[in-house]
C-alpha atoms as a PDB file:
ATOM      1  CA  UNK A   1      92.051 125.769 104.074  1.00  0.00           C
ATOM      2  CA  UNK A   2      94.497 124.015 101.857  1.00  0.00           C
ATOM      3  CA  UNK A   3      94.327 119.813 101.299  1.00  0.00           C
ATOM      4  CA  UNK A   4      96.932 119.245 104.004  1.00  0.00           C
ATOM      5  CA  UNK A   5      95.032 121.564 106.743  1.00  0.00           C
ATOM      6  CA  UNK A   6      91.719 119.838 105.853  1.00  0.00           C
ATOM      7  CA  UNK A   7      93.006 116.355 106.305  1.00  0.00           C
ATOM      8  CA  UNK A   8      94.938 117.419 109.574  1.00  0.00           C
ATOM      9  CA  UNK A   9      91.695 118.827 110.852  1.00  0.00           C
ATOM     10  CA  UNK A  10      89.862 115.342 110.351  1.00  0.00           C
ATOM     11  CA  UNK A  11      92.883 113.628 111.985  1.00  0.00           C
ATOM     12  CA  UNK A  12      93.597 115.876 114.782  1.00  0.00           C
ATOM     13  CA  UNK A  13      92.737 113.385 117.297  1.00  0.00           C
ATOM     14  CA  UNK A  14      96.230 111.756 116.364  1.00  0.00           C
ATOM     15  CA  UNK A  15      98.070 115.081 116.958  1.00  0.00           C
ATOM     16  CA  UNK A  16     101.026 114.576 119.110  1.00  0.00           C
ATOM     17  CA  UNK A  17     102.048 111.075 117.612  1.00  0.00           C
ATOM     18  CA  UNK A  18     105.735 111.587 117.034  1.00  0.00           C
ATOM     19  CA  UNK A  19     106.295 108.704 114.534  1.00  0.00           C
ATOM     20  CA  UNK A  20     104.683 107.632 111.204  1.00  0.00           C
ATOM     21  CA  UNK A  21     105.403 104.492 109.348  1.00  0.00           C
ATOM     22  CA  UNK A  22     104.662 103.600 105.751  1.00  0.00           C
ATOM     23  CA  UNK A  23     104.021  99.798 104.631  1.00  0.00           C
ATOM     24  CA  UNK A  24     104.991  98.970 101.025  1.00  0.00           C
ATOM     25  CA  UNK A  25     104.088  96.339  98.516  1.00  0.00           C
ATOM     26  CA  UNK A  26     103.462  93.086 100.112  1.00  0.00           C
ATOM     27  CA  UNK A  27     104.459  94.351 103.619  1.00  0.00           C
ATOM     28  CA  UNK A  28     100.619  94.567 104.857  1.00  0.00           C
ATOM     29  CA  UNK A  29     101.554  91.664 106.945  1.00  0.00           C
ATOM     30  CA  UNK A  30     103.382  93.736 109.322  1.00  0.00           C
ATOM     31  CA  UNK A  31      99.955  94.915 110.363  1.00  0.00           C
ATOM     32  CA  UNK A  32      99.874  92.024 112.451  1.00  0.00           C
ATOM     33  CA  UNK A  33     102.739  93.250 114.515  1.00  0.00           C
ATOM     34  CA  UNK A  34     100.821  96.486 115.263  1.00  0.00           C
ATOM     35  CA  UNK A  35      98.466  96.894 118.388  1.00  0.00           C
ATOM     36  CA  UNK A  36      95.833  98.693 116.075  1.00  0.00           C
ATOM     37  CA  UNK A  37      93.283 100.994 117.930  1.00  0.00           C
ATOM     38  CA  UNK A  38      91.843 102.916 115.283  1.00  0.00           C
ATOM     39  CA  UNK A  39      91.604 102.733 111.218  1.00  0.00           C
ATOM     40  CA  UNK A  40      90.607 105.486 108.764  1.00  0.00           C
ATOM     41  CA  UNK A  41      89.940 104.596 105.090  1.00  0.00           C
ATOM     42  CA  UNK A  42      91.928 106.859 102.935  1.00  0.00           C
ATOM     43  CA  UNK A  43      88.689 107.530 101.241  1.00  0.00           C
ATOM     44  CA  UNK A  44      87.666 109.289 104.476  1.00  0.00           C
ATOM     45  CA  UNK A  45      90.404 111.664 104.772  1.00  0.00           C
ATOM     46  CA  UNK A  46      90.249 114.863 102.594  1.00  0.00           C
ATOM     47  CA  UNK A  47      92.657 114.929  99.693  1.00  0.00           C
ATOM     48  CA  UNK A  48      94.109 111.516 100.162  1.00  0.00           C
ATOM     49  CA  UNK A  49      94.612 109.811  96.884  1.00  0.00           C
ATOM     50  CA  UNK A  50      93.205 106.362  96.308  1.00  0.00           C
ATOM     51  CA  UNK A  51      95.458 103.280  96.599  1.00  0.00           C
ATOM     52  CA  UNK A  52      95.071 101.106  93.583  1.00  0.00           C
ATOM     53  CA  UNK A  53      97.641  98.567  93.960  1.00  0.00           C
ATOM     54  CA  UNK A  54      97.046  94.845  95.014  1.00  0.00           C
ATOM     55  CA  UNK A  55      98.020  94.213  98.558  1.00  0.00           C
ATOM     56  CA  UNK A  56      97.816  97.990  99.641  1.00  0.00           C
ATOM     57  CA  UNK A  57      94.765  98.302 102.124  1.00  0.00           C
ATOM     58  CA  UNK A  58      94.551 101.768 101.712  1.00  0.00           C
ATOM     59  CA  UNK A  59      94.140 102.623 105.449  1.00  0.00           C
ATOM     60  CA  UNK A  60      95.554 104.812 107.986  1.00  0.00           C
ATOM     61  CA  UNK A  61      96.213 103.153 111.231  1.00  0.00           C
ATOM     62  CA  UNK A  62      96.764 104.335 114.698  1.00  0.00           C
ATOM     63  CA  UNK A  63      98.400 101.980 117.198  1.00  0.00           C
ATOM     64  CA  UNK A  64     101.449 100.910 119.153  1.00  0.00           C
ATOM     65  CA  UNK A  65     104.490  99.307 118.141  1.00  0.00           C
ATOM     66  CA  UNK A  66     107.811  98.819 120.204  1.00  0.00           C
ATOM     67  CA  UNK A  67     105.723 100.638 123.319  1.00  0.00           C
ATOM     68  CA  UNK A  68     105.278 103.866 121.134  1.00  0.00           C
ATOM     69  CA  UNK A  69     102.291 105.478 119.673  1.00  0.00           C
ATOM     70  CA  UNK A  70     102.505 105.138 115.519  1.00  0.00           C
ATOM     71  CA  UNK A  71     100.461 106.411 112.714  1.00  0.00           C
ATOM     72  CA  UNK A  72     100.733 103.569 109.864  1.00  0.00           C
ATOM     73  CA  UNK A  73     100.079 104.140 106.587  1.00  0.00           C
ATOM     74  CA  UNK A  74      98.901 100.513 105.138  1.00  0.00           C
ATOM     75  CA  UNK A  75      99.449 101.104 101.611  1.00  0.00           C
ATOM     76  CA  UNK A  76     100.818 104.027  99.773  1.00  0.00           C
ATOM     77  CA  UNK A  77     100.572 106.019  96.482  1.00  0.00           C
ATOM     78  CA  UNK A  78     102.876 105.887  93.397  1.00  0.00           C
ATOM     79  CA  UNK A  79     103.910 107.992  90.261  1.00  0.00           C
ATOM     80  CA  UNK A  80     103.004 105.321  88.003  1.00  0.00           C
ATOM     81  CA  UNK A  81      99.382 105.230  89.458  1.00  0.00           C
ATOM     82  CA  UNK A  82      99.163 108.743  87.652  1.00  0.00           C
ATOM     83  CA  UNK A  83      99.504 110.691  90.800  1.00  0.00           C
ATOM     84  CA  UNK A  84     101.692 113.881  90.817  1.00  0.00           C
ATOM     85  CA  UNK A  85     104.660 113.921  93.205  1.00  0.00           C
ATOM     86  CA  UNK A  86     102.976 116.387  95.040  1.00  0.00           C
ATOM     87  CA  UNK A  87      99.808 113.890  95.641  1.00  0.00           C
ATOM     88  CA  UNK A  88     102.156 111.226  96.335  1.00  0.00           C
ATOM     89  CA  UNK A  89     103.556 112.704  99.489  1.00  0.00           C
ATOM     90  CA  UNK A  90     100.333 114.778 100.690  1.00  0.00           C
ATOM     91  CA  UNK A  91     100.326 112.445 103.861  1.00  0.00           C
ATOM     92  CA  UNK A  92     104.065 113.268 104.782  1.00  0.00           C
ATOM     93  CA  UNK A  93     103.032 117.074 104.866  1.00  0.00           C
ATOM     94  CA  UNK A  94      99.792 115.917 106.955  1.00  0.00           C
ATOM     95  CA  UNK A  95     102.334 114.034 109.033  1.00  0.00           C
ATOM     96  CA  UNK A  96     104.007 117.292 109.754  1.00  0.00           C
ATOM     97  CA  UNK A  97     100.858 119.112 110.610  1.00  0.00           C
ATOM     98  CA  UNK A  98      99.958 116.533 113.139  1.00  0.00           C
ATOM     99  CA  UNK A  99     103.523 116.765 114.933  1.00  0.00           C
ATOM    100  CA  UNK A 100     105.231 113.810 113.300  1.00  0.00           C
ATOM    101  CA  UNK A 101     109.036 113.836 113.983  1.00  0.00           C
ATOM    102  CA  UNK A 102     109.988 110.401 112.673  1.00  0.00           C
ATOM    103  CA  UNK A 103     109.255 108.583 109.529  1.00  0.00           C
ATOM    104  CA  UNK A 104     109.938 104.817 109.381  1.00  0.00           C
ATOM    105  CA  UNK A 105     109.366 103.474 105.580  1.00  0.00           C
ATOM    106  CA  UNK A 106     109.505 100.081 104.202  1.00  0.00           C
ATOM    107  CA  UNK A 107     109.285  98.922 100.515  1.00  0.00           C
ATOM    108  CA  UNK A 108     109.657  96.099  98.191  1.00  0.00           C
ATOM    109  CA  UNK A 109     112.674  96.345  96.034  1.00  0.00           C
ATOM    110  CA  UNK A 110     114.761  94.390  93.413  1.00  0.00           C
ATOM    111  CA  UNK A 111     118.311  93.515  94.241  1.00  0.00           C
ATOM    112  CA  UNK A 112     121.153  94.668  92.212  1.00  0.00           C
ATOM    113  CA  UNK A 113     123.906  93.241  93.721  1.00  0.00           C
ATOM    114  CA  UNK A 114     124.417  89.203  93.757  1.00  0.00           C
ATOM    115  CA  UNK A 115     124.396  89.269  97.527  1.00  0.00           C
ATOM    116  CA  UNK A 116     120.992  90.554  98.010  1.00  0.00           C
ATOM    117  CA  UNK A 117     118.479  87.593  97.671  1.00  0.00           C
ATOM    118  CA  UNK A 118     114.810  87.426  97.883  1.00  0.00           C
ATOM    119  CA  UNK A 119     113.728  87.448 101.332  1.00  0.00           C
ATOM    120  CA  UNK A 120     116.601  89.675 102.786  1.00  0.00           C
ATOM    121  CA  UNK A 121     116.212  93.105 104.167  1.00  0.00           C
ATOM    122  CA  UNK A 122     118.484  96.004 103.310  1.00  0.00           C
ATOM    123  CA  UNK A 123     118.797  99.353 105.454  1.00  0.00           C
ATOM    124  CA  UNK A 124     118.767 102.330 102.914  1.00  0.00           C
ATOM    125  CA  UNK A 125     121.941 104.327 103.400  1.00  0.00           C
ATOM    126  CA  UNK A 126     121.279 106.888 100.538  1.00  0.00           C
ATOM    127  CA  UNK A 127     119.130 107.173  97.361  1.00  0.00           C
ATOM    128  CA  UNK A 128     119.206 108.118  93.652  1.00  0.00           C
ATOM    129  CA  UNK A 129     116.111 109.880  92.163  1.00  0.00           C
ATOM    130  CA  UNK A 130     115.745 108.527  88.827  1.00  0.00           C
ATOM    131  CA  UNK A 131     112.112 109.629  88.216  1.00  0.00           C
ATOM    132  CA  UNK A 132     112.457 112.911  86.903  1.00  0.00           C
ATOM    133  CA  UNK A 133     109.959 114.287  89.465  1.00  0.00           C
ATOM    134  CA  UNK A 134     110.323 116.181  92.677  1.00  0.00           C
ATOM    135  CA  UNK A 135     107.469 116.946  95.254  1.00  0.00           C
ATOM    136  CA  UNK A 136     108.720 120.291  95.993  1.00  0.00           C
ATOM    137  CA  UNK A 137     108.452 121.723  92.761  1.00  0.00           C
ATOM    138  CA  UNK A 138     106.503 124.862  92.611  1.00  0.00           C
ATOM    139  CA  UNK A 139     105.626 127.245  95.185  1.00  0.00           C
ATOM    140  CA  UNK A 140     107.429 126.379  98.543  1.00  0.00           C
ATOM    141  CA  UNK A 141     105.383 125.668 101.817  1.00  0.00           C
ATOM    142  CA  UNK A 142     107.480 127.923 104.137  1.00  0.00           C
ATOM    143  CA  UNK A 143     105.470 126.650 107.096  1.00  0.00           C
ATOM    144  CA  UNK A 144     106.550 123.116 106.263  1.00  0.00           C
ATOM    145  CA  UNK A 145     110.173 123.652 105.242  1.00  0.00           C
ATOM    146  CA  UNK A 146     113.059 125.580 103.307  1.00  0.00           C
ATOM    147  CA  UNK A 147     113.187 126.283  99.625  1.00  0.00           C
ATOM    148  CA  UNK A 148     116.370 124.434  99.021  1.00  0.00           C
ATOM    149  CA  UNK A 149     116.494 121.632 101.847  1.00  0.00           C
ATOM    150  CA  UNK A 150     119.927 119.952 102.459  1.00  0.00           C
ATOM    151  CA  UNK A 151     120.072 116.337 100.978  1.00  0.00           C
ATOM    152  CA  UNK A 152     123.618 115.559 102.292  1.00  0.00           C
ATOM    153  CA  UNK A 153     122.100 113.113 105.098  1.00  0.00           C
ATOM    154  CA  UNK A 154     118.711 112.129 104.103  1.00  0.00           C
ATOM    155  CA  UNK A 155     118.512 109.215 106.244  1.00  0.00           C
ATOM    156  CA  UNK A 156     118.873 109.767 109.926  1.00  0.00           C
ATOM    157  CA  UNK A 157     122.211 108.539 111.190  1.00  0.00           C
ATOM    158  CA  UNK A 158     120.897 108.107 114.679  1.00  0.00           C
ATOM    159  CA  UNK A 159     117.982 106.086 113.548  1.00  0.00           C
ATOM    160  CA  UNK A 160     120.237 103.962 111.409  1.00  0.00           C
ATOM    161  CA  UNK A 161     122.476 103.216 114.042  1.00  0.00           C
ATOM    162  CA  UNK A 162     119.780 102.081 116.220  1.00  0.00           C
ATOM    163  CA  UNK A 163     118.582  99.734 113.550  1.00  0.00           C
ATOM    164  CA  UNK A 164     121.876  98.346 113.172  1.00  0.00           C
ATOM    165  CA  UNK A 165     122.241  98.121 117.154  1.00  0.00           C
ATOM    166  CA  UNK A 166     119.082  96.111 117.266  1.00  0.00           C
ATOM    167  CA  UNK A 167     119.700  93.581 114.203  1.00  0.00           C
ATOM    168  CA  UNK A 168     123.159  92.755 115.816  1.00  0.00           C
ATOM    169  CA  UNK A 169     121.357  92.002 119.166  1.00  0.00           C
ATOM    170  CA  UNK A 170     118.659  89.966 117.576  1.00  0.00           C
ATOM    171  CA  UNK A 171     121.295  88.179 115.203  1.00  0.00           C
ATOM    172  CA  UNK A 172     119.421  89.375 112.340  1.00  0.00           C
ATOM    173  CA  UNK A 173     121.054  89.829 108.821  1.00  0.00           C
ATOM    174  CA  UNK A 174     120.953  93.420 107.699  1.00  0.00           C
ATOM    175  CA  UNK A 175     122.320  94.342 104.461  1.00  0.00           C
ATOM    176  CA  UNK A 176     122.964  98.097 103.647  1.00  0.00           C
ATOM    177  CA  UNK A 177     122.933  99.836 100.258  1.00  0.00           C
ATOM    178  CA  UNK A 178     121.825 102.681  98.044  1.00  0.00           C
ATOM    179  CA  UNK A 179     118.066 102.607  96.732  1.00  0.00           C
ATOM    180  CA  UNK A 180     117.118 104.137  93.165  1.00  0.00           C
ATOM    181  CA  UNK A 181     113.443 104.814  92.525  1.00  0.00           C
ATOM    182  CA  UNK A 182     112.182 104.395  89.128  1.00  0.00           C
ATOM    183  CA  UNK A 183     108.801 105.672  87.641  1.00  0.00           C
ATOM    184  CA  UNK A 184     107.503 102.293  86.734  1.00  0.00           C
ATOM    185  CA  UNK A 185     105.265 100.489  86.156  1.00  0.00           C
ATOM    186  CA  UNK A 186     107.109  98.612  83.620  1.00  0.00           C
ATOM    187  CA  UNK A 187     110.146  96.576  85.136  1.00  0.00           C
ATOM    188  CA  UNK A 188     113.724  97.524  84.168  1.00  0.00           C
ATOM    189  CA  UNK A 189     115.409  95.924  81.069  1.00  0.00           C
ATOM    190  CA  UNK A 190     118.920  94.164  81.339  1.00  0.00           C
ATOM    191  CA  UNK A 191     120.465  97.147  79.798  1.00  0.00           C
ATOM    192  CA  UNK A 192     118.599  99.372  82.203  1.00  0.00           C
ATOM    193  CA  UNK A 193     119.598  97.178  85.135  1.00  0.00           C
ATOM    194  CA  UNK A 194     123.347  97.515  84.012  1.00  0.00           C
ATOM    195  CA  UNK A 195     122.896 101.080  84.065  1.00  0.00           C
ATOM    196  CA  UNK A 196     121.682 101.263  87.511  1.00  0.00           C
ATOM    197  CA  UNK A 197     124.188  99.322  88.821  1.00  0.00           C
ATOM    198  CA  UNK A 198     126.717 101.620  87.090  1.00  0.00           C
ATOM    199  CA  UNK A 199     125.093 104.561  88.615  1.00  0.00           C
ATOM    200  CA  UNK A 200     125.780 102.914  92.288  1.00  0.00           C
ATOM    201  CA  UNK A 201     122.518 101.834  93.191  1.00  0.00           C
ATOM    202  CA  UNK A 202     122.160  98.405  95.078  1.00  0.00           C
ATOM    203  CA  UNK A 203     118.194  97.862  95.123  1.00  0.00           C
ATOM    204  CA  UNK A 204     115.570  99.475  92.754  1.00  0.00           C
ATOM    205  CA  UNK A 205     112.156 100.311  93.387  1.00  0.00           C
ATOM    206  CA  UNK A 206     109.240 102.270  92.515  1.00  0.00           C
ATOM    207  CA  UNK A 207     108.262 104.508  95.963  1.00  0.00           C
ATOM    208  CA  UNK A 208     110.117 105.829  98.824  1.00  0.00           C
ATOM    209  CA  UNK A 209     112.192 108.593  97.571  1.00  0.00           C
ATOM    210  CA  UNK A 210     109.283 111.108  96.670  1.00  0.00           C
ATOM    211  CA  UNK A 211     108.159 110.590 100.566  1.00  0.00           C
ATOM    212  CA  UNK A 212     112.115 110.944 101.819  1.00  0.00           C
ATOM    213  CA  UNK A 213     112.688 114.230 100.013  1.00  0.00           C
ATOM    214  CA  UNK A 214     109.240 115.734 101.344  1.00  0.00           C
ATOM    215  CA  UNK A 215     110.101 114.350 104.647  1.00  0.00           C
ATOM    216  CA  UNK A 216     113.278 115.892 104.852  1.00  0.00           C
ATOM    217  CA  UNK A 217     111.746 119.142 103.637  1.00  0.00           C
ATOM    218  CA  UNK A 218     109.715 118.781 106.841  1.00  0.00           C
ATOM    219  CA  UNK A 219     112.351 118.283 109.023  1.00  0.00           C
ATOM    220  CA  UNK A 220     111.592 114.674 110.105  1.00  0.00           C
ATOM    221  CA  UNK A 221     114.181 112.014 110.725  1.00  0.00           C
ATOM    222  CA  UNK A 222     113.721 108.929 108.134  1.00  0.00           C
ATOM    223  CA  UNK A 223     114.776 105.588 108.385  1.00  0.00           C
ATOM    224  CA  UNK A 224     114.114 103.099 105.396  1.00  0.00           C
ATOM    225  CA  UNK A 225     114.392  99.452 105.010  1.00  0.00           C
ATOM    226  CA  UNK A 226     113.800  97.624 101.627  1.00  0.00           C
ATOM    227  CA  UNK A 227     112.640  94.047 101.299  1.00  0.00           C
ATOM    228  CA  UNK A 228     114.263  92.256  98.603  1.00  0.00           C
ATOM    229  CA  UNK A 229     111.792  90.545  96.605  1.00  0.00           C
ATOM    230  CA  UNK A 230     113.535  89.512  93.259  1.00  0.00           C
ATOM    231  CA  UNK A 231     117.183  89.795  92.015  1.00  0.00           C
ATOM    232  CA  UNK A 232     117.833  91.749  89.010  1.00  0.00           C
ATOM    233  CA  UNK A 233     120.719  89.817  87.331  1.00  0.00           C
ATOM    234  CA  UNK A 234     121.068  91.363  83.540  1.00  0.00           C
ATOM    235  CA  UNK A 235     123.242  88.183  82.606  1.00  0.00           C
ATOM    236  CA  UNK A 236     120.797  85.674  83.772  1.00  0.00           C
ATOM    237  CA  UNK A 237     117.428  87.783  83.323  1.00  0.00           C
ATOM    238  CA  UNK A 238     114.210  86.015  84.077  1.00  0.00           C
ATOM    239  CA  UNK A 239     110.518  87.352  84.499  1.00  0.00           C
ATOM    240  CA  UNK A 240     109.192  88.020  87.917  1.00  0.00           C
ATOM    241  CA  UNK A 241     105.452  88.063  88.676  1.00  0.00           C
ATOM    242  CA  UNK A 242     103.790  90.426  91.227  1.00  0.00           C
ATOM    243  CA  UNK A 243     102.832  87.264  93.193  1.00  0.00           C
ATOM    244  CA  UNK A 244     106.329  86.572  93.686  1.00  0.00           C
ATOM    245  CA  UNK A 245     107.122  89.919  94.560  1.00  0.00           C
ATOM    246  CA  UNK A 246     104.491  89.959  97.197  1.00  0.00           C
ATOM    247  CA  UNK A 247     105.393  86.701  98.525  1.00  0.00           C
ATOM    248  CA  UNK A 248     109.026  87.548  99.194  1.00  0.00           C
ATOM    249  CA  UNK A 249     107.793  90.688 100.764  1.00  0.00           C
ATOM    250  CA  UNK A 250     105.550  88.764 103.209  1.00  0.00           C
ATOM    251  CA  UNK A 251     108.649  86.923 104.102  1.00  0.00           C
ATOM    252  CA  UNK A 252     110.774  89.659 104.909  1.00  0.00           C
ATOM    253  CA  UNK A 253     108.046  91.596 106.614  1.00  0.00           C
ATOM    254  CA  UNK A 254     108.212  90.224 110.132  1.00  0.00           C
ATOM    255  CA  UNK A 255     112.105  91.045 109.964  1.00  0.00           C
ATOM    256  CA  UNK A 256     111.235  94.806 109.100  1.00  0.00           C
ATOM    257  CA  UNK A 257     108.675  94.968 111.761  1.00  0.00           C
ATOM    258  CA  UNK A 258     110.976  93.597 114.503  1.00  0.00           C
ATOM    259  CA  UNK A 259     113.734  96.041 113.100  1.00  0.00           C
ATOM    260  CA  UNK A 260     111.285  98.794 113.725  1.00  0.00           C
ATOM    261  CA  UNK A 261     110.313  97.524 117.095  1.00  0.00           C
ATOM    262  CA  UNK A 262     113.550  97.737 118.196  1.00  0.00           C
ATOM    263  CA  UNK A 263     114.146 101.336 116.983  1.00  0.00           C
ATOM    264  CA  UNK A 264     111.018 102.534 118.310  1.00  0.00           C
ATOM    265  CA  UNK A 265     111.573 101.043 121.747  1.00  0.00           C
ATOM    266  CA  UNK A 266     114.910 102.834 121.802  1.00  0.00           C
ATOM    267  CA  UNK A 267     113.615 106.186 120.985  1.00  0.00           C
END
């Protein structure tokens, strides 16, 4: 039995839950918006890596949001922690085996456009993989998805439209843009920021793209929203602390939770 199957066996009581949610750095505050009925430490799930990042609680939650049952990763895994792309995306494959069809992702990101300010939220409409990694490298798991998954529309048009509709109904400011994942953990230099801007990226972070690739491979619909935690202005560059990143992510957290609640209530 492979790692995914062993983990799914431990979590078999959650089979049939159709939506999973990933909470990013500083976004554990969104736990308060979820009616939690059960929590699993990652350490108790076979094959799950350890979450080593501050503000990531390292728990898989089962509960309700927007009137729908959800599985929630409170804390994720990153390439910069030393994990492979395959290890980072193990939970997505487990979710597939449990019957998950929709994946809602949040992350903390630096804004690369002048109109993206700390505390804003941005609907991810496309992404750039700038890590040099891909979770699908190696032997294809044919039971999960095809060898060459199409990536012309990695972010669900249906879920994105529901997010836009709910934001409009609630008079929420919802920016949109392209997210680029870099390896990390070092932050970008001014020259690297200029390069990412010229490549067409609007926000930069160290997560999400690996999970989206894996989710698309598994046939899931994906919605991703970034909490803008700092402004990357290469002409006026200033250091940013982890504490500041977390504080701005926490500020954006309730808005992302409300957006997810609205989307879920419409499914």
